[in-house]
Amino acid sequence: MKITLICIGKTDDQHIVKGIEIYTKRLKHYVNFQIVAIPDIKNSKNLSESQQKEKEAQLLLKNCSNQDFIILLDERGKEYSSMEFSAFLEKQMISSVTHLVFMIGGPYGFDDTVYQRANAKISLSRMTFSHQMVRLFFVEQIYRAYTIMRGEPYHHE
């Protein structure tokens, strides 16, 4: 299975970049994982919220195929414990999903076209985090999920 995280914009904070790099490197032992950062929309100040979401949707969906299993990171999505998230990933592996695509939307969330295409929505928390922080938290949770699947001592419960 391959896992891709697609997000809008780049990560500027070097502490966060370093953290993401650490977990991305660790993940190479478990799964083919990549992050695709779509550049911020140019002249977004001149666009309405819906216009910005529509342009972001085109770019997000352009990076997916019809066979991809798309999961949105969305505040209204299902919340999982780390153990439950690990079981969710394992279920996807067993059900022959070949490419899981997780998406982090822009500042206004996702356009309806993205919601319609998505197979699932998950929430990391009911709290709001910066888009940059979400990337780090999410990559760490993917790593944690794989260590749980393997019974390795990283996760304590």
Protein backbone atom coordinates (compact mmCIF):
# COMPACT_ATOMS: atom_id res chain seq x y z
CA MET A 1 0.00 0.00 0.00
CA LYS A 2 1.05 3.57 -0.67
CA ILE A 3 0.03 6.55 1.47
CA THR A 4 0.08 10.13 0.23
CA LEU A 5 -0.67 13.26 2.20
CA ILE A 6 -1.76 16.11 -0.07
CA CYS A 7 -1.87 19.57 1.45
CA ILE A 8 -2.21 23.18 0.36
CA GLY A 9 0.80 25.42 0.90
CA LYS A 10 4.28 24.81 2.16
CA THR A 11 5.56 24.48 5.70
CA ASP A 12 7.65 27.51 6.66
CA ASP A 13 8.54 26.75 10.27
CA GLN A 14 11.84 24.86 10.28
CA HIS A 15 11.06 23.11 13.59
CA ILE A 16 7.94 21.62 12.03
CA VAL A 17 9.79 20.75 8.80
CA LYS A 18 12.43 18.90 10.85
CA GLY A 19 9.76 16.97 12.78
CA ILE A 20 8.01 15.97 9.56
CA GLU A 21 11.32 14.83 8.10
CA ILE A 22 12.05 12.68 11.16
CA TYR A 23 8.74 10.81 10.95
CA THR A 24 8.79 10.58 7.15
CA LYS A 25 12.21 8.94 7.36
CA ARG A 26 10.98 6.51 10.03
CA LEU A 27 7.94 5.61 7.91
CA LYS A 28 10.13 4.35 5.06
CA HIS A 29 10.59 1.13 7.07
CA TYR A 30 6.84 0.45 7.02
CA VAL A 31 5.10 1.98 4.02
CA ASN A 32 5.63 3.95 0.82
CA PHE A 33 4.75 7.43 2.11
CA GLN A 34 4.97 10.83 0.47
CA ILE A 35 3.78 14.37 1.02
CA VAL A 36 2.55 16.46 -1.90
CA ALA A 37 2.44 20.16 -1.09
CA ILE A 38 0.33 22.12 -3.55
CA PRO A 39 1.41 25.78 -3.81
CA ASP A 40 -0.87 28.36 -2.24
CA ILE A 41 -3.41 29.89 -4.62
CA LYS A 42 -2.02 33.08 -6.16
CA ASN A 43 -3.98 36.30 -5.63
CA SER A 44 -6.21 34.59 -3.09
CA LYS A 45 -6.96 38.02 -1.56
CA ASN A 46 -8.92 38.81 -4.71
CA LEU A 47 -10.99 35.61 -4.51
CA SER A 48 -14.08 34.87 -2.49
CA GLU A 49 -13.96 31.97 -0.04
CA SER A 50 -15.91 29.74 -2.44
CA GLN A 51 -13.69 30.69 -5.40
CA GLN A 52 -10.57 29.85 -3.39
CA LYS A 53 -12.01 26.49 -2.30
CA GLU A 54 -12.99 25.72 -5.90
CA LYS A 55 -9.45 26.42 -7.20
CA GLU A 56 -7.92 24.36 -4.38
CA ALA A 57 -10.32 21.51 -5.16
CA GLN A 58 -9.17 21.40 -8.77
CA LEU A 59 -5.54 21.14 -7.66
CA LEU A 60 -6.25 18.56 -4.96
CA LEU A 61 -8.28 16.30 -7.22
CA LYS A 62 -5.78 16.65 -10.08
CA ASN A 63 -3.33 14.77 -7.85
CA CYS A 64 -5.65 11.76 -7.46
CA SER A 65 -6.77 8.88 -9.61
CA ASN A 66 -10.19 7.24 -9.71
CA GLN A 67 -8.80 4.22 -7.84
CA ASP A 68 -7.45 6.22 -4.88
CA PHE A 69 -9.15 5.91 -1.51
CA ILE A 70 -9.44 9.55 -0.39
CA ILE A 71 -9.70 10.52 3.26
CA LEU A 72 -10.18 14.14 4.25
CA LEU A 73 -8.70 15.53 7.43
CA ASP A 74 -11.74 17.51 8.45
CA GLU A 75 -12.98 18.90 11.75
CA ARG A 76 -16.34 17.19 11.17
CA GLY A 77 -14.77 13.81 10.50
CA LYS A 78 -14.73 10.73 12.69
CA GLU A 79 -12.36 10.86 15.64
CA TYR A 80 -10.14 7.86 16.37
CA SER A 81 -7.86 6.91 19.20
CA SER A 82 -4.37 5.94 18.03
CA MET A 83 -5.28 2.25 18.44
CA GLU A 84 -8.49 2.71 16.43
CA PHE A 85 -6.65 4.62 13.70
CA SER A 86 -4.09 1.84 13.46
CA ALA A 87 -6.92 -0.69 13.07
CA PHE A 88 -8.51 1.54 10.41
CA LEU A 89 -5.27 1.60 8.40
CA GLU A 90 -4.83 -2.13 8.78
CA LYS A 91 -8.38 -2.69 7.55
CA GLN A 92 -7.59 -0.64 4.43
CA MET A 93 -4.48 -2.75 3.82
CA ILE A 94 -6.43 -6.00 4.20
CA SER A 95 -9.20 -4.80 1.89
CA SER A 96 -6.66 -4.35 -0.91
CA VAL A 97 -6.62 -0.56 -1.02
CA THR A 98 -3.47 0.19 -2.97
CA HIS A 99 -3.31 3.96 -2.50
CA LEU A 100 -4.63 5.88 0.48
CA VAL A 101 -4.71 9.63 -0.09
CA PHE A 102 -5.18 11.90 2.90
CA MET A 103 -5.96 15.57 2.24
CA ILE A 104 -5.55 18.73 4.27
CA GLY A 105 -7.55 21.57 2.76
CA GLY A 106 -6.85 25.26 2.67
CA PRO A 107 -7.85 27.84 5.28
CA TYR A 108 -11.56 27.54 4.44
CA GLY A 109 -11.70 23.76 4.23
CA PHE A 110 -12.83 21.78 1.20
CA ASP A 111 -15.07 22.53 -1.75
CA ASP A 112 -18.17 20.35 -2.15
CA THR A 113 -16.57 18.54 -5.11
CA VAL A 114 -13.85 17.24 -2.79
CA TYR A 115 -16.40 16.14 -0.18
CA GLN A 116 -18.31 14.29 -2.89
CA ARG A 117 -15.20 12.48 -4.12
CA ALA A 118 -13.92 11.54 -0.65
CA ASN A 119 -14.37 8.03 0.73
CA ALA A 120 -14.07 9.08 4.38
CA LYS A 121 -13.42 11.99 6.73
CA ILE A 122 -11.38 11.87 9.91
CA SER A 123 -10.67 14.47 12.54
CA LEU A 124 -7.45 14.66 14.53
CA SER A 125 -9.20 16.72 17.20
CA ARG A 126 -12.15 18.97 17.79
CA MET A 127 -9.58 21.72 18.39
CA THR A 128 -8.26 23.85 15.54
CA PHE A 129 -4.56 23.58 14.65
CA SER A 130 -2.49 25.42 12.09
CA HIS A 131 -2.22 23.58 8.78
CA GLN A 132 1.51 23.24 9.35
CA MET A 133 1.06 21.62 12.77
CA VAL A 134 -1.57 19.22 11.43
CA ARG A 135 0.99 17.84 8.98
CA LEU A 136 3.42 17.01 11.76
CA PHE A 137 0.72 15.53 14.01
CA PHE A 138 -0.65 13.45 11.17
CA VAL A 139 2.69 12.05 10.00
CA GLU A 140 3.48 11.10 13.60
CA GLN A 141 0.11 9.32 13.88
CA ILE A 142 0.77 7.33 10.70
CA TYR A 143 4.12 6.27 12.17
CA ARG A 144 2.46 5.43 15.50
CA ALA A 145 -0.19 3.36 13.72
CA TYR A 146 2.43 1.22 12.01
CA THR A 147 4.35 0.65 15.24
CA ILE A 148 1.07 -0.45 16.85
CA MET A 149 0.40 -2.88 13.98
CA ARG A 150 3.86 -4.37 14.48
CA GLY A 151 3.59 -4.53 18.26
CA GLU A 152 6.61 -2.28 18.67
CA PRO A 153 7.17 -0.36 21.92
CA TYR A 154 6.63 3.20 20.61
CA HIS A 155 2.97 3.41 21.70
CA HIS A 156 2.10 2.85 25.37
CA GLU A 157 -1.43 1.93 26.36
